[in-house]
Amino acid sequence: MKNFRPLSDSLIQKLKQCHKAEMDTKNEKPFMMEDMRYAVAPLFKRGLIEVKKEVVNNKILHCIHLTKKGIEFLETINFRKNILKI
């Protein structure tokens, strides 16, 4: 398995934005590859996001979703921050 450097703050922000967009039930616009820009490749290689084809307004779009590993990664970051605050 390949070893990766730790994620930068900007990559973590992109993960959080993607997760927030997925959790927002009012949001009709899915998180797109254009929203990620430079972050797609590093996050995809680490297995934190996946790209799925979805039909939105009768158009086939490539949408970004967090994988289970991506959600677990965000949970561990929040857990660590909570421990450091105590």
C-alpha atoms as a PDB file:
ATOM      1  CA  MET A   1       0.000   0.000   0.000  1.00  0.00           C
ATOM      2  CA  LYS A   2       1.273   3.436  -0.905  1.00  0.00           C
ATOM      3  CA  ASN A   3       2.118   5.893   1.872  1.00  0.00           C
ATOM      4  CA  PHE A   4       0.781   9.405   1.448  1.00  0.00           C
ATOM      5  CA  ARG A   5       1.689  12.675   3.090  1.00  0.00           C
ATOM      6  CA  PRO A   6      -0.889  14.057   5.526  1.00  0.00           C
ATOM      7  CA  LEU A   7      -3.684  16.038   3.917  1.00  0.00           C
ATOM      8  CA  SER A   8      -3.285  19.798   3.719  1.00  0.00           C
ATOM      9  CA  ASP A   9      -5.826  22.103   5.339  1.00  0.00           C
ATOM     10  CA  SER A  10      -7.255  23.038   1.937  1.00  0.00           C
ATOM     11  CA  LEU A  11      -7.860  19.375   1.036  1.00  0.00           C
ATOM     12  CA  ILE A  12      -9.557  18.805   4.386  1.00  0.00           C
ATOM     13  CA  GLN A  13     -11.753  21.857   3.720  1.00  0.00           C
ATOM     14  CA  LYS A  14     -12.811  20.385   0.364  1.00  0.00           C
ATOM     15  CA  LEU A  15     -13.749  17.120   2.093  1.00  0.00           C
ATOM     16  CA  LYS A  16     -15.818  19.027   4.652  1.00  0.00           C
ATOM     17  CA  GLN A  17     -17.554  21.043   1.923  1.00  0.00           C
ATOM     18  CA  CYS A  18     -18.401  17.872   0.033  1.00  0.00           C
ATOM     19  CA  HIS A  19     -19.776  16.231   3.176  1.00  0.00           C
ATOM     20  CA  LYS A  20     -21.824  19.325   4.006  1.00  0.00           C
ATOM     21  CA  ALA A  21     -23.304  19.346   0.474  1.00  0.00           C
ATOM     22  CA  GLU A  22     -24.214  15.660   0.789  1.00  0.00           C
ATOM     23  CA  MET A  23     -25.901  16.159   4.156  1.00  0.00           C
ATOM     24  CA  ASP A  24     -27.905  19.229   3.045  1.00  0.00           C
ATOM     25  CA  THR A  25     -31.289  17.868   2.000  1.00  0.00           C
ATOM     26  CA  LYS A  26     -32.397  21.238   0.566  1.00  0.00           C
ATOM     27  CA  ASN A  27     -29.364  21.405  -1.728  1.00  0.00           C
ATOM     28  CA  GLU A  28     -30.444  20.293  -5.183  1.00  0.00           C
ATOM     29  CA  LYS A  29     -27.024  20.871  -6.743  1.00  0.00           C
ATOM     30  CA  PRO A  30     -24.673  17.956  -6.127  1.00  0.00           C
ATOM     31  CA  PHE A  31     -20.989  18.470  -5.378  1.00  0.00           C
ATOM     32  CA  MET A  32     -19.263  18.490  -8.750  1.00  0.00           C
ATOM     33  CA  MET A  33     -15.734  17.890  -9.976  1.00  0.00           C
ATOM     34  CA  GLU A  34     -15.546  21.609 -10.777  1.00  0.00           C
ATOM     35  CA  ASP A  35     -16.169  22.371  -7.084  1.00  0.00           C
ATOM     36  CA  MET A  36     -13.134  20.291  -6.107  1.00  0.00           C
ATOM     37  CA  ARG A  37     -10.743  21.500  -8.841  1.00  0.00           C
ATOM     38  CA  TYR A  38      -7.212  20.526  -7.791  1.00  0.00           C
ATOM     39  CA  ALA A  39      -8.378  18.324  -4.908  1.00  0.00           C
ATOM     40  CA  VAL A  40      -9.960  15.542  -6.959  1.00  0.00           C
ATOM     41  CA  ALA A  41      -6.791  13.556  -7.711  1.00  0.00           C
ATOM     42  CA  PRO A  42      -5.204  13.498  -4.219  1.00  0.00           C
ATOM     43  CA  LEU A  43      -8.474  12.659  -2.470  1.00  0.00           C
ATOM     44  CA  PHE A  44      -9.443  10.050  -5.064  1.00  0.00           C
ATOM     45  CA  LYS A  45      -6.039   8.334  -4.842  1.00  0.00           C
ATOM     46  CA  ARG A  46      -6.431   8.063  -1.070  1.00  0.00           C
ATOM     47  CA  GLY A  47      -9.880   6.527  -1.459  1.00  0.00           C
ATOM     48  CA  LEU A  48     -11.640   9.370   0.370  1.00  0.00           C
ATOM     49  CA  ILE A  49     -13.958  10.337  -2.493  1.00  0.00           C
ATOM     50  CA  GLU A  50     -15.603   8.603  -5.414  1.00  0.00           C
ATOM     51  CA  VAL A  51     -17.038   9.877  -8.668  1.00  0.00           C
ATOM     52  CA  LYS A  52     -20.506   8.741  -9.675  1.00  0.00           C
ATOM     53  CA  LYS A  53     -22.594   9.491 -12.741  1.00  0.00           C
ATOM     54  CA  GLU A  54     -25.959  10.959 -11.809  1.00  0.00           C
ATOM     55  CA  VAL A  55     -28.863  12.351 -13.776  1.00  0.00           C
ATOM     56  CA  VAL A  56     -29.628  15.922 -12.701  1.00  0.00           C
ATOM     57  CA  ASN A  57     -32.159  17.985 -14.655  1.00  0.00           C
ATOM     58  CA  ASN A  58     -32.063  15.457 -17.497  1.00  0.00           C
ATOM     59  CA  LYS A  59     -28.268  15.744 -17.795  1.00  0.00           C
ATOM     60  CA  ILE A  60     -25.690  13.128 -16.878  1.00  0.00           C
ATOM     61  CA  LEU A  61     -23.178  14.695 -14.483  1.00  0.00           C
ATOM     62  CA  HIS A  62     -20.073  13.376 -12.717  1.00  0.00           C
ATOM     63  CA  CYS A  63     -20.749  14.006  -9.029  1.00  0.00           C
ATOM     64  CA  ILE A  64     -18.375  13.693  -6.084  1.00  0.00           C
ATOM     65  CA  HIS A  65     -19.314  11.665  -3.002  1.00  0.00           C
ATOM     66  CA  LEU A  66     -17.398  10.785   0.117  1.00  0.00           C
ATOM     67  CA  THR A  67     -16.558   7.151   0.592  1.00  0.00           C
ATOM     68  CA  LYS A  68     -16.960   5.387   3.910  1.00  0.00           C
ATOM     69  CA  LYS A  69     -13.229   5.888   4.405  1.00  0.00           C
ATOM     70  CA  GLY A  70     -13.655   9.632   3.767  1.00  0.00           C
ATOM     71  CA  ILE A  71     -16.422   9.945   6.341  1.00  0.00           C
ATOM     72  CA  GLU A  72     -14.358   8.007   8.889  1.00  0.00           C
ATOM     73  CA  PHE A  73     -11.397  10.303   8.188  1.00  0.00           C
ATOM     74  CA  LEU A  74     -13.491  13.396   8.943  1.00  0.00           C
ATOM     75  CA  GLU A  75     -14.825  11.782  12.121  1.00  0.00           C
ATOM     76  CA  THR A  76     -11.281  11.075  13.382  1.00  0.00           C
ATOM     77  CA  ILE A  77     -10.253  14.672  12.688  1.00  0.00           C
ATOM     78  CA  ASN A  78     -13.229  16.006  14.668  1.00  0.00           C
ATOM     79  CA  PHE A  79     -12.478  13.519  17.464  1.00  0.00           C
ATOM     80  CA  ARG A  80      -8.859  14.701  17.672  1.00  0.00           C
ATOM     81  CA  LYS A  81      -9.880  18.362  17.745  1.00  0.00           C
ATOM     82  CA  ASN A  82     -12.324  17.676  20.581  1.00  0.00           C
ATOM     83  CA  ILE A  83      -9.617  15.922  22.609  1.00  0.00           C
ATOM     84  CA  LEU A  84      -7.200  18.832  22.140  1.00  0.00           C
ATOM     85  CA  LYS A  85      -9.813  21.324  23.368  1.00  0.00           C
ATOM     86  CA  ILE A  86     -10.189  19.526  26.710  1.00  0.00           C
END
